[in-house]
N, C-alpha and C. Protein backbone atom coordinates (compact mmCIF):
# COMPACT_ATOMS: atom_id res chain seq x y z
N MET A 1 85.51 74.48 164.75
CA MET A 1 86.21 73.29 164.36
C MET A 1 85.11 73.16 163.96
N PHE A 2 83.86 72.70 164.10
CA PHE A 2 82.53 72.15 163.16
C PHE A 2 82.27 73.31 162.69
N THR A 3 81.73 74.78 163.06
CA THR A 3 81.88 75.62 161.59
C THR A 3 82.67 75.54 161.02
N LEU A 4 84.22 75.15 161.16
CA LEU A 4 85.18 75.43 159.59
C LEU A 4 84.74 74.86 158.70
N ILE A 5 84.63 73.07 159.24
CA ILE A 5 84.51 72.33 158.13
C ILE A 5 83.39 72.76 157.38
N LYS A 6 82.38 73.03 158.33
CA LYS A 6 81.31 73.29 157.31
C LYS A 6 80.95 74.25 156.32
N ARG A 7 81.49 75.20 156.60
CA ARG A 7 82.02 76.30 155.57
C ARG A 7 82.68 75.74 154.64
N GLU A 8 83.89 74.83 154.93
CA GLU A 8 84.64 74.52 153.53
C GLU A 8 83.86 73.44 152.97
N ILE A 9 82.74 72.97 153.35
CA ILE A 9 81.76 71.91 152.88
C ILE A 9 80.56 72.61 151.62
N GLU A 10 80.63 73.90 152.57
CA GLU A 10 79.59 74.34 151.51
C GLU A 10 80.12 75.58 150.57
N ASP A 11 81.67 75.87 150.59
CA ASP A 11 82.13 76.07 149.35
C ASP A 11 83.00 75.49 148.84
N HIS A 12 83.07 74.13 148.35
CA HIS A 12 83.28 73.25 147.83
C HIS A 12 82.27 72.05 147.60
N ILE A 13 80.65 71.93 147.84
CA ILE A 13 80.27 71.56 147.05
C ILE A 13 79.95 70.83 146.60
N VAL A 14 80.50 71.15 145.40
CA VAL A 14 80.33 70.77 144.08
C VAL A 14 81.38 69.26 143.73
N TYR A 15 82.33 69.26 144.60
CA TYR A 15 83.16 68.41 145.21
C TYR A 15 82.60 67.02 145.55
N PHE A 16 81.62 67.17 146.34
CA PHE A 16 81.14 66.32 147.15
C PHE A 16 79.83 65.94 146.88
N ILE A 17 79.27 66.47 145.70
CA ILE A 17 78.24 66.21 144.64
C ILE A 17 78.52 65.13 144.13
N GLY A 18 80.40 65.32 143.46
CA GLY A 18 80.93 65.15 142.49
C GLY A 18 81.17 63.30 143.06
N ALA A 19 81.57 63.44 144.73
CA ALA A 19 81.80 62.34 144.81
C ALA A 19 81.06 60.93 145.10
N ALA A 20 79.69 61.64 145.50
CA ALA A 20 78.84 61.47 145.78
C ALA A 20 77.85 60.20 144.37
N VAL A 21 78.00 61.26 143.20
CA VAL A 21 77.82 60.55 141.96
C VAL A 21 78.46 59.39 142.06
N LEU A 22 80.58 59.61 141.73
CA LEU A 22 81.10 58.75 141.04
C LEU A 22 80.84 57.68 142.17
N SER A 23 81.02 57.35 143.29
CA SER A 23 80.80 56.29 144.20
C SER A 23 79.48 55.85 143.78
N ALA A 24 78.36 56.23 143.30
CA ALA A 24 76.84 55.13 143.55
C ALA A 24 77.36 54.67 142.22
N ILE A 25 77.77 54.98 141.19
CA ILE A 25 78.03 54.61 139.89
C ILE A 25 78.66 53.18 139.62
N LEU A 26 80.35 53.97 140.72
CA LEU A 26 80.92 52.59 140.62
C LEU A 26 80.72 51.15 141.66
N ILE A 27 79.40 51.86 142.90
CA ILE A 27 78.90 51.03 143.13
C ILE A 27 77.73 50.18 142.77
N ALA A 28 77.05 50.91 141.55
CA ALA A 28 76.15 49.77 140.41
C ALA A 28 76.94 49.26 139.46
N LEU A 29 78.27 49.66 139.10
CA LEU A 29 78.98 48.69 138.37
C LEU A 29 79.51 47.41 139.31
N LEU A 30 79.73 47.58 140.60
CA LEU A 30 80.57 46.20 141.26
C LEU A 30 79.13 45.65 141.33
N THR A 31 78.10 46.36 141.69
CA THR A 31 77.32 45.27 141.86
C THR A 31 76.53 43.89 140.56
N SER A 32 76.19 44.94 139.70
CA SER A 32 76.45 44.11 138.18
C SER A 32 77.30 43.04 138.18
N ALA A 33 78.26 43.52 138.36
CA ALA A 33 80.15 42.62 137.92
C ALA A 33 79.79 41.49 138.30
N MET A 34 79.61 41.44 139.89
CA MET A 34 79.58 40.48 140.69
C MET A 34 78.61 39.55 140.34
N TYR A 35 77.22 39.69 139.60
CA TYR A 35 76.99 38.57 138.97
C TYR A 35 77.67 38.10 137.87
N HIS A 36 78.59 38.23 137.92
CA HIS A 36 79.22 37.99 136.28
C HIS A 36 80.74 37.67 136.78
N THR A 37 81.34 37.75 137.78
CA THR A 37 82.58 37.44 138.16
C THR A 37 82.35 36.01 139.21
N GLU A 38 83.19 34.99 138.22
CA GLU A 38 83.91 33.67 138.78
C GLU A 38 83.75 33.98 140.40
N PRO A 39 83.84 32.65 140.86
CA PRO A 39 84.02 32.68 142.64
C PRO A 39 85.73 32.76 142.66
N GLY A 40 85.87 33.94 143.77
CA GLY A 40 87.52 33.63 143.66
C GLY A 40 88.56 34.84 143.18
N ASP A 41 87.78 35.17 141.93
CA ASP A 41 88.27 35.91 141.47
C ASP A 41 87.90 37.33 141.92
N HIS A 42 89.69 38.34 141.87
CA HIS A 42 89.62 39.10 142.41
C HIS A 42 89.69 40.65 141.54
N SER A 43 89.63 40.11 140.55
CA SER A 43 90.40 41.43 139.65
C SER A 43 89.16 42.38 139.70
N VAL A 44 88.21 42.23 139.83
CA VAL A 44 87.31 42.61 139.95
C VAL A 44 87.10 43.89 140.39
N PHE A 45 87.03 43.94 141.88
CA PHE A 45 87.68 44.97 142.52
C PHE A 45 89.07 45.38 142.17
N ILE A 46 90.20 44.82 141.72
CA ILE A 46 91.37 45.65 141.47
C ILE A 46 91.05 46.60 140.38
N GLY A 47 90.12 46.01 139.56
CA GLY A 47 90.48 46.42 137.88
C GLY A 47 89.02 47.64 138.24
N LEU A 48 88.41 47.77 138.98
CA LEU A 48 87.24 49.06 139.78
C LEU A 48 88.38 50.35 140.25
N SER A 49 89.21 49.75 140.80
CA SER A 49 89.89 50.67 141.94
C SER A 49 90.59 51.42 140.95
N ILE A 50 91.18 50.80 139.51
CA ILE A 50 92.56 51.70 139.12
C ILE A 50 91.42 53.13 138.34
N PRO A 51 89.89 53.16 137.88
CA PRO A 51 89.82 54.19 137.33
C PRO A 51 89.10 55.35 138.70
N VAL A 52 88.68 54.68 139.72
CA VAL A 52 88.69 55.63 140.65
C VAL A 52 90.18 56.21 141.12
N ILE A 53 91.61 55.64 141.11
CA ILE A 53 92.45 55.96 141.38
C ILE A 53 92.77 57.15 140.76
N VAL A 54 92.19 57.05 139.25
CA VAL A 54 92.68 58.34 138.20
C VAL A 54 91.71 59.11 138.59
N VAL A 55 90.72 59.07 139.06
CA VAL A 55 89.32 59.96 138.99
C VAL A 55 89.83 61.11 140.58
N LEU A 56 90.25 59.95 141.15
CA LEU A 56 90.33 60.46 142.83
C LEU A 56 92.30 61.93 142.39
N ILE A 57 92.96 60.91 141.73
CA ILE A 57 93.91 62.05 141.48
C ILE A 57 94.02 63.17 140.65
N ILE A 58 93.05 63.28 139.69
CA ILE A 58 92.42 64.40 138.99
C ILE A 58 91.33 65.82 140.20
N GLY A 59 90.64 65.02 140.87
CA GLY A 59 89.38 64.94 141.40
C GLY A 59 90.31 66.39 142.89
N CYS A 60 91.19 65.64 143.65
CA CYS A 60 91.89 65.32 145.04
C CYS A 60 92.60 66.70 144.72
N THR A 61 93.36 66.80 143.69
CA THR A 61 94.30 67.85 143.21
C THR A 61 93.44 69.14 143.08
N ALA A 62 92.64 69.17 142.48
CA ALA A 62 92.01 70.22 141.91
C ALA A 62 91.06 70.33 142.98
N MET A 63 90.55 69.86 143.77
CA MET A 63 90.02 70.59 145.29
C MET A 63 91.31 71.12 146.52
N GLY A 64 92.22 70.31 146.33
CA GLY A 64 93.22 71.11 147.16
C GLY A 64 93.86 72.70 146.64
N VAL A 65 93.63 72.34 145.33
CA VAL A 65 94.17 74.33 144.19
C VAL A 65 92.81 74.88 144.52
N SER A 66 91.63 74.15 144.47
CA SER A 66 90.48 75.36 144.57
C SER A 66 90.18 75.98 146.19
N GLN A 67 90.74 74.87 147.01
CA GLN A 67 90.87 75.25 148.40
C GLN A 67 91.53 76.59 149.08
N ILE A 68 92.79 76.68 148.01
CA ILE A 68 93.87 77.40 148.68
C ILE A 68 93.61 79.02 147.62
N TYR A 69 93.12 78.82 146.57
CA TYR A 69 93.00 79.86 145.36
C TYR A 69 91.92 80.50 145.83
N THR A 70 90.86 80.02 146.49
CA THR A 70 89.30 80.56 146.45
C THR A 70 89.96 81.58 147.50
N ASP A 71 90.38 80.87 148.96
CA ASP A 71 91.10 81.73 149.85
C ASP A 71 91.59 82.65 149.64
N ARG A 72 93.12 82.66 149.00
CA ARG A 72 93.89 84.03 148.40
C ARG A 72 92.52 84.93 147.66
N THR A 73 91.86 84.11 146.58
CA THR A 73 91.38 85.84 146.05
C THR A 73 90.18 86.23 146.66
N ARG A 74 89.36 85.50 147.61
CA ARG A 74 88.77 86.05 148.59
C ARG A 74 88.89 86.19 149.75
N LYS A 75 90.40 86.41 150.40
CA LYS A 75 90.32 86.52 151.22
C LYS A 75 89.90 86.27 152.43
N ILE A 76 89.69 84.91 152.55
CA ILE A 76 88.58 84.34 153.18
C ILE A 76 89.44 84.14 154.22
N SER A 77 91.35 83.57 154.92
CA SER A 77 91.84 84.21 156.16
C SER A 77 91.63 84.86 156.62
N THR A 78 92.62 86.11 155.78
CA THR A 78 92.21 87.38 156.94
C THR A 78 91.10 87.29 157.32
N PHE A 79 89.60 86.94 156.82
CA PHE A 79 88.65 87.56 157.22
C PHE A 79 88.93 86.57 159.01
N LEU A 80 88.93 85.74 158.52
CA LEU A 80 88.61 84.25 159.56
C LEU A 80 90.06 85.05 160.68
N SER A 81 90.97 85.42 160.18
CA SER A 81 91.77 85.66 161.34
C SER A 81 91.02 86.38 162.11
N GLY A 82 90.97 87.28 162.35
CA GLY A 82 89.64 88.41 162.45
C GLY A 82 88.83 87.72 163.70
N LEU A 83 88.74 86.69 163.22
CA LEU A 83 87.39 86.15 164.65
C LEU A 83 88.72 85.57 165.70
N PRO A 84 88.23 85.05 166.49
CA PRO A 84 88.65 83.84 167.34
C PRO A 84 89.57 82.63 167.35
N VAL A 85 89.76 82.71 165.93
CA VAL A 85 90.05 81.34 164.95
C VAL A 85 91.70 81.27 164.56
N THR A 86 92.17 80.06 165.09
CA THR A 86 93.63 80.51 164.05
C THR A 86 94.31 80.23 163.25
N ARG A 87 94.72 80.25 162.34
CA ARG A 87 95.51 80.09 160.61
C ARG A 87 95.64 78.55 160.78
N GLY A 88 96.52 77.70 161.95
CA GLY A 88 95.97 76.32 162.22
C GLY A 88 94.95 75.91 161.69
N ARG A 89 94.34 75.92 162.39
CA ARG A 89 93.02 75.57 162.78
C ARG A 89 91.90 75.90 161.67
N ILE A 90 92.59 76.76 160.50
CA ILE A 90 92.15 76.82 159.80
C ILE A 90 92.20 76.62 158.26
N LEU A 91 93.89 75.53 158.32
CA LEU A 91 94.33 74.91 157.53
C LEU A 91 93.72 72.94 157.79
N ILE A 92 94.00 72.83 159.49
CA ILE A 92 93.37 71.95 159.48
C ILE A 92 91.91 71.44 159.14
N ALA A 93 90.90 72.45 159.47
CA ALA A 93 89.73 71.80 158.70
C ALA A 93 89.58 71.85 157.32
N ARG A 94 90.80 72.73 156.98
CA ARG A 94 90.30 72.37 155.61
C ARG A 94 90.99 70.88 154.92
N ILE A 95 91.79 70.36 155.71
CA ILE A 95 92.55 68.87 155.43
C ILE A 95 91.44 68.26 155.67
N ILE A 96 90.47 68.13 157.09
CA ILE A 96 89.37 67.42 157.46
C ILE A 96 88.75 67.37 156.28
N THR A 97 88.28 68.38 155.55
CA THR A 97 87.19 68.46 154.26
C THR A 97 87.52 67.79 153.53
N GLY A 98 88.84 67.93 152.60
CA GLY A 98 89.54 67.12 152.10
C GLY A 98 89.54 65.65 152.13
N ILE A 99 89.87 65.16 153.45
CA ILE A 99 89.71 63.75 153.50
C ILE A 99 88.26 63.36 153.80
N LEU A 100 87.14 64.01 153.93
CA LEU A 100 85.68 63.60 154.01
C LEU A 100 85.69 63.39 152.98
N ALA A 101 86.06 64.08 151.51
CA ALA A 101 85.79 64.34 150.36
C ALA A 101 85.70 62.50 149.81
N ILE A 102 87.42 62.46 150.03
CA ILE A 102 87.78 61.88 149.43
C ILE A 102 87.35 60.23 149.96
N LEU A 103 86.47 60.60 151.24
CA LEU A 103 85.66 59.08 152.02
C LEU A 103 84.20 59.16 151.62
N THR A 104 83.61 60.26 150.87
CA THR A 104 82.95 60.09 150.46
C THR A 104 82.55 58.91 149.19
N VAL A 105 83.21 59.19 148.43
CA VAL A 105 83.61 58.08 146.85
C VAL A 105 83.93 56.54 147.33
N LEU A 106 84.97 56.63 148.59
CA LEU A 106 85.69 55.48 148.92
C LEU A 106 84.91 54.24 150.27
N LEU A 107 84.49 55.09 150.76
CA LEU A 107 83.56 54.39 152.12
C LEU A 107 82.37 53.46 151.61
N PRO A 108 81.49 54.20 151.08
CA PRO A 108 80.20 52.95 150.72
C PRO A 108 80.62 51.92 149.46
N LEU A 109 82.10 52.59 148.83
CA LEU A 109 82.27 51.47 148.00
C LEU A 109 82.78 50.28 148.28
N THR A 110 83.59 50.73 149.11
CA THR A 110 84.11 49.87 150.29
C THR A 110 83.18 48.72 150.98
N ILE A 111 82.29 49.35 151.15
CA ILE A 111 81.05 48.47 152.57
C ILE A 111 80.12 47.84 151.57
N THR A 112 79.66 48.40 150.04
CA THR A 112 79.20 47.50 149.92
C THR A 112 79.78 46.26 148.84
N GLY A 113 81.19 46.45 148.87
CA GLY A 113 82.03 45.44 148.28
C GLY A 113 82.73 44.19 149.33
N MET A 114 82.72 45.08 150.89
CA MET A 114 82.09 43.85 151.86
C MET A 114 81.06 42.88 151.64
N ALA A 115 79.86 43.84 151.36
CA ALA A 115 78.58 43.08 151.46
C ALA A 115 78.64 42.42 150.64
N LEU A 116 78.73 42.10 149.53
CA LEU A 116 78.70 41.53 148.06
C LEU A 116 79.67 40.71 148.14
N TRP A 117 80.38 40.16 149.11
CA TRP A 117 81.91 39.46 148.46
C TRP A 117 81.20 38.32 149.81
N ARG A 118 80.96 38.60 150.96
CA ARG A 118 79.95 38.14 152.15
C ARG A 118 78.77 37.54 151.49
N LEU A 119 78.20 38.03 150.86
CA LEU A 119 76.93 37.60 150.18
C LEU A 119 77.01 36.34 149.20
N PHE A 120 78.01 37.27 148.22
CA PHE A 120 77.96 35.52 147.07
C PHE A 120 78.74 34.67 147.17
N GLU A 121 79.78 35.11 148.15
CA GLU A 121 81.50 33.49 148.53
C GLU A 121 81.11 33.80 150.00
N PRO A 122 82.39 32.13 150.22
CA PRO A 122 81.68 32.02 151.29
C PRO A 122 83.38 32.81 152.11
N PRO A 123 83.72 32.30 153.75
CA PRO A 123 84.58 33.14 154.32
C PRO A 123 85.25 33.20 154.11
N ILE A 124 86.05 34.19 153.47
CA ILE A 124 87.92 33.88 152.70
C ILE A 124 88.83 34.58 153.20
N PRO A 125 88.82 34.52 154.52
CA PRO A 125 90.14 35.58 155.17
C PRO A 125 91.42 36.25 154.72
N ILE A 126 91.24 35.55 153.63
CA ILE A 126 92.63 36.33 153.13
C ILE A 126 91.59 37.83 152.23
N TYR A 127 90.64 38.00 151.30
CA TYR A 127 89.69 38.66 151.02
C TYR A 127 90.00 39.71 151.47
N SER A 128 89.47 39.77 152.95
CA SER A 128 89.12 41.02 153.51
C SER A 128 90.40 41.66 153.93
N GLY A 129 91.75 40.88 153.55
CA GLY A 129 92.92 42.04 153.90
C GLY A 129 93.22 42.58 152.41
N VAL A 130 92.79 41.98 151.29
CA VAL A 130 93.15 42.49 149.40
C VAL A 130 92.30 43.58 149.92
N ILE A 131 90.65 43.57 150.63
CA ILE A 131 90.16 44.95 150.41
C ILE A 131 90.53 46.23 150.84
N PHE A 132 90.83 45.64 152.27
CA PHE A 132 91.45 46.72 153.34
C PHE A 132 92.99 47.04 152.52
N ASP A 133 93.60 46.52 152.23
CA ASP A 133 95.17 46.95 151.53
C ASP A 133 94.37 48.25 149.92
N THR A 134 93.33 47.48 149.36
CA THR A 134 92.98 48.50 147.85
C THR A 134 92.31 49.73 148.61
N PHE A 135 91.66 49.51 149.73
CA PHE A 135 91.04 50.51 150.23
C PHE A 135 91.99 51.91 150.96
N MET A 136 92.85 51.38 151.74
CA MET A 136 94.20 51.86 152.26
C MET A 136 94.96 52.59 150.62
N VAL A 137 95.61 51.81 150.02
CA VAL A 137 96.28 52.95 148.92
C VAL A 137 95.30 53.48 148.13
N THR A 138 94.12 53.23 147.65
CA THR A 138 92.95 54.11 147.25
C THR A 138 93.34 55.55 147.80
N PHE A 139 93.03 55.33 149.09
CA PHE A 139 93.06 56.51 150.02
C PHE A 139 93.67 57.40 149.85
N LEU A 140 95.03 56.66 149.84
CA LEU A 140 96.52 57.43 150.09
C LEU A 140 96.60 58.08 148.85
N THR A 141 95.85 57.52 148.16
CA THR A 141 96.74 58.07 147.18
C THR A 141 96.00 59.57 146.41
N GLY A 142 94.82 59.05 146.85
CA GLY A 142 93.93 60.70 146.28
C GLY A 142 94.61 61.83 147.41
N PHE A 143 94.59 61.29 149.12
CA PHE A 143 95.30 62.15 149.83
C PHE A 143 96.80 63.01 149.44
N ALA A 144 97.47 61.98 148.82
CA ALA A 144 98.68 62.15 148.04
C ALA A 144 98.29 63.43 147.55
N CYS A 145 97.38 63.33 146.52
CA CYS A 145 97.29 63.89 145.51
C CYS A 145 96.57 65.26 145.77
N TYR A 146 95.32 65.07 146.72
CA TYR A 146 95.14 66.60 147.25
C TYR A 146 96.49 66.93 148.18
N CYS A 147 97.33 66.57 148.83
CA CYS A 147 98.08 67.35 149.06
C CYS A 147 99.02 68.02 148.18
N ILE A 148 99.56 67.50 147.19
CA ILE A 148 99.88 68.27 145.54
C ILE A 148 99.35 69.35 145.71
N GLY A 149 98.03 69.10 145.61
CA GLY A 149 97.09 70.46 145.22
C GLY A 149 97.17 71.41 146.02
N LEU A 150 97.53 71.14 147.56
CA LEU A 150 97.24 72.64 148.72
C LEU A 150 98.94 72.88 148.03
N GLN A 151 99.63 72.08 147.82
CA GLN A 151 100.98 72.79 147.51
C GLN A 151 101.23 73.64 146.81
N THR A 152 100.75 73.64 145.17
CA THR A 152 100.80 74.07 143.93
C THR A 152 100.05 75.15 143.58
N SER A 153 98.96 75.49 144.45
CA SER A 153 97.77 76.30 144.09
C SER A 153 98.86 77.48 144.91
N TRP A 154 99.67 77.87 145.24
CA TRP A 154 100.17 79.07 145.54
C TRP A 154 100.88 79.88 144.43
N THR A 155 100.25 79.39 142.67
CA THR A 155 100.54 80.49 142.24
C THR A 155 99.15 81.60 141.71
N SER A 156 99.38 82.07 140.40
CA SER A 156 98.46 82.44 140.46
C SER A 156 96.98 82.09 139.55
N SER A 157 97.67 81.19 138.80
CA SER A 157 96.72 80.49 138.15
C SER A 157 96.09 78.90 138.90
N LYS A 158 94.67 79.00 138.17
CA LYS A 158 93.76 77.76 138.86
C LYS A 158 93.99 76.63 138.62
N ILE A 159 94.22 76.81 137.20
CA ILE A 159 93.97 75.44 136.18
C ILE A 159 95.85 74.78 136.34
N THR A 160 96.97 75.83 136.02
CA THR A 160 97.72 74.46 135.77
C THR A 160 98.82 73.90 136.83
N PRO A 161 98.15 74.19 138.41
CA PRO A 161 98.62 73.11 139.32
C PRO A 161 97.59 72.34 138.78
N THR A 162 96.41 72.50 138.33
CA THR A 162 95.49 71.54 138.28
C THR A 162 95.37 70.27 137.32
N LEU A 163 96.44 70.87 135.95
CA LEU A 163 96.69 69.87 135.24
C LEU A 163 97.91 69.11 135.85
N GLY A 164 98.44 69.75 136.78
CA GLY A 164 99.57 68.74 137.09
C GLY A 164 98.85 66.87 137.41
N GLY A 165 97.87 66.76 137.76
CA GLY A 165 96.79 65.81 137.94
C GLY A 165 97.61 64.98 137.11
N LEU A 166 97.54 65.54 135.85
CA LEU A 166 97.59 64.06 134.84
C LEU A 166 98.30 64.18 134.29
N VAL A 167 99.55 64.40 135.06
CA VAL A 167 100.98 64.34 135.23
C VAL A 167 101.16 62.93 136.30
N LEU A 168 100.54 62.86 137.32
CA LEU A 168 100.87 62.51 138.44
C LEU A 168 100.20 61.07 138.23
N THR A 169 99.22 61.30 137.02
CA THR A 169 98.43 59.84 136.90
C THR A 169 99.46 59.16 136.67
N CYS A 170 100.59 59.93 135.74
CA CYS A 170 101.15 58.38 134.74
C CYS A 170 102.20 58.02 135.92
N ILE A 171 102.55 58.81 136.78
CA ILE A 171 103.51 58.65 137.78
C ILE A 171 102.82 57.78 138.63
N LEU A 172 101.67 58.04 139.38
CA LEU A 172 101.20 57.28 140.95
C LEU A 172 101.18 55.69 140.53
N VAL A 173 100.02 56.17 139.39
CA VAL A 173 99.02 54.75 138.73
C VAL A 173 99.95 53.52 138.19
N PRO A 174 101.44 53.91 137.43
CA PRO A 174 102.09 53.02 137.48
C PRO A 174 103.10 52.12 138.96
N LEU A 175 102.93 53.81 139.39
CA LEU A 175 103.77 52.82 141.03
C LEU A 175 103.12 52.32 141.60
N ILE A 176 101.64 52.17 141.37
CA ILE A 176 100.71 50.93 142.63
C ILE A 176 100.83 49.77 141.94
N LEU A 177 100.93 49.91 140.27
CA LEU A 177 100.47 48.49 139.52
C LEU A 177 102.19 47.70 140.03
N VAL A 178 102.75 48.59 140.07
CA VAL A 178 104.29 47.88 139.74
C VAL A 178 104.65 47.33 141.60
N LYS A 179 104.03 47.77 142.85
CA LYS A 179 104.61 48.03 143.97
C LYS A 179 103.24 47.16 144.69
N GLY A 180 101.94 46.87 143.69
CA GLY A 180 100.76 46.46 143.94
C GLY A 180 99.99 47.25 145.40
N PHE A 181 99.21 46.68 145.57
CA PHE A 181 98.14 46.76 146.88
C PHE A 181 98.61 46.95 148.69
N GLY A 182 100.05 46.76 148.43
CA GLY A 182 100.17 45.85 149.55
C GLY A 182 100.97 47.34 151.08
N LEU A 183 102.27 47.05 151.48
CA LEU A 183 102.63 47.48 152.63
C LEU A 183 103.46 48.84 151.89
N HIS A 184 104.08 48.09 150.81
CA HIS A 184 105.22 49.06 150.29
C HIS A 184 104.67 50.26 149.83
N ALA A 185 103.58 49.80 148.69
CA ALA A 185 102.88 51.59 148.36
C ALA A 185 102.60 52.12 149.16
N GLN A 186 101.73 51.54 151.05
CA GLN A 186 101.04 52.47 152.10
C GLN A 186 102.47 52.97 152.45
N VAL A 187 104.05 52.40 152.88
CA VAL A 187 104.62 53.28 153.02
C VAL A 187 105.10 54.56 152.15
N ILE A 188 105.00 54.02 151.56
CA ILE A 188 105.41 55.47 150.20
C ILE A 188 104.54 56.70 150.19
N LEU A 189 103.79 55.99 150.05
CA LEU A 189 102.43 57.33 149.84
C LEU A 189 102.49 58.13 151.34
N VAL A 190 102.24 57.21 152.57
CA VAL A 190 102.24 58.07 153.59
C VAL A 190 103.45 58.72 153.78
N LEU A 191 104.60 58.44 153.69
CA LEU A 191 106.26 59.55 153.72
C LEU A 191 105.90 60.81 152.92
N PHE A 192 105.57 60.51 151.39
CA PHE A 192 105.12 61.58 150.86
C PHE A 192 103.53 62.32 151.50
N ILE A 193 102.86 61.88 152.24
CA ILE A 193 102.14 63.14 152.52
C ILE A 193 102.37 63.81 153.64
N VAL A 194 102.89 62.63 154.61
CA VAL A 194 103.87 63.27 156.07
C VAL A 194 104.51 64.46 155.50
N THR A 195 105.13 64.18 154.95
CA THR A 195 106.41 65.32 154.03
C THR A 195 105.12 66.50 153.52
N SER A 196 104.27 66.51 152.48
CA SER A 196 103.77 67.35 151.89
C SER A 196 103.09 68.19 153.04
N LEU A 197 102.68 67.15 153.98
CA LEU A 197 102.02 68.23 154.97
C LEU A 197 102.73 69.21 155.67
N ILE A 198 103.49 68.89 156.09
CA ILE A 198 104.26 69.52 156.95
C ILE A 198 105.27 70.59 155.71
N ARG A 199 105.48 70.68 154.49
CA ARG A 199 105.40 71.81 154.09
C ARG A 199 104.51 72.92 153.55
N THR A 200 102.69 71.99 153.11
CA THR A 200 101.91 72.86 153.62
C THR A 200 101.23 73.56 155.02
N TRP A 201 102.28 73.24 155.71
CA TRP A 201 101.77 73.67 156.85
C TRP A 201 102.89 75.24 157.05
N GLN A 202 104.11 75.02 156.91
CA GLN A 202 104.74 76.08 156.53
C GLN A 202 104.52 77.38 156.32
N LYS A 203 103.90 77.24 154.71
CA LYS A 203 103.92 77.42 153.80
C LYS A 203 103.05 78.22 154.48
N PHE A 204 101.46 77.70 154.82
CA PHE A 204 100.31 78.29 155.15
C PHE A 204 100.94 79.20 156.46
N MET A 205 101.25 79.18 157.32
CA MET A 205 101.63 79.17 158.33
C MET A 205 102.58 80.91 157.97
N SER A 206 103.10 81.07 157.12
CA SER A 206 104.44 82.12 156.55
C SER A 206 103.98 82.69 155.75
N THR A 207 103.08 82.66 154.99
CA THR A 207 102.40 83.57 153.71
C THR A 207 100.99 83.76 153.91
N ALA A 208 100.83 85.56 153.72
CA ALA A 208 99.98 85.96 153.93
C ALA A 208 99.09 85.84 153.18
N ILE A 209 97.78 85.98 152.96
CA ILE A 209 96.69 85.36 152.00
C ILE A 209 95.73 86.49 152.19
């Protein structure tokens, strides 16, 4: 499994580089903003989370599409299937790689946000919940779009499914703005992700690549 994940990371290293760059930029913006934010003002974290979500929607969808598209064009799964590796493990390795790419953006940003808040503000229990909810909804949104990329990548085109991320931006971001970063948004996204993964699993296991 480790070898499969390593191979996926190497094949899609550009997404990890982009994730690291995005995370570094956002950390710099967050650090700067903390020096100009009134105590108790949560808007800076919510405000920075919106562009992250938009970029994740497009980037994660593109990564999901790229993984399956590359597999189909290079016959990677066909080759690996000749080795002592099951198709299920191949797909799981790809999903884990997608999760790692999303976490590359969000984990450093979240850790930095928590550290800065503890540095500039007295302990406020409710804020820890706000950070966690923001992280969870942003992560789930990115993962949901990654799953959509996996589902829509079975066409002959690599560009068309990726452009679907622009449409999802108009759907998912307003959903989050309406539902907020609480439990309702999380439940909706989790249900969508589970459904998407089941369909992707069935498609991947039954379709010759």
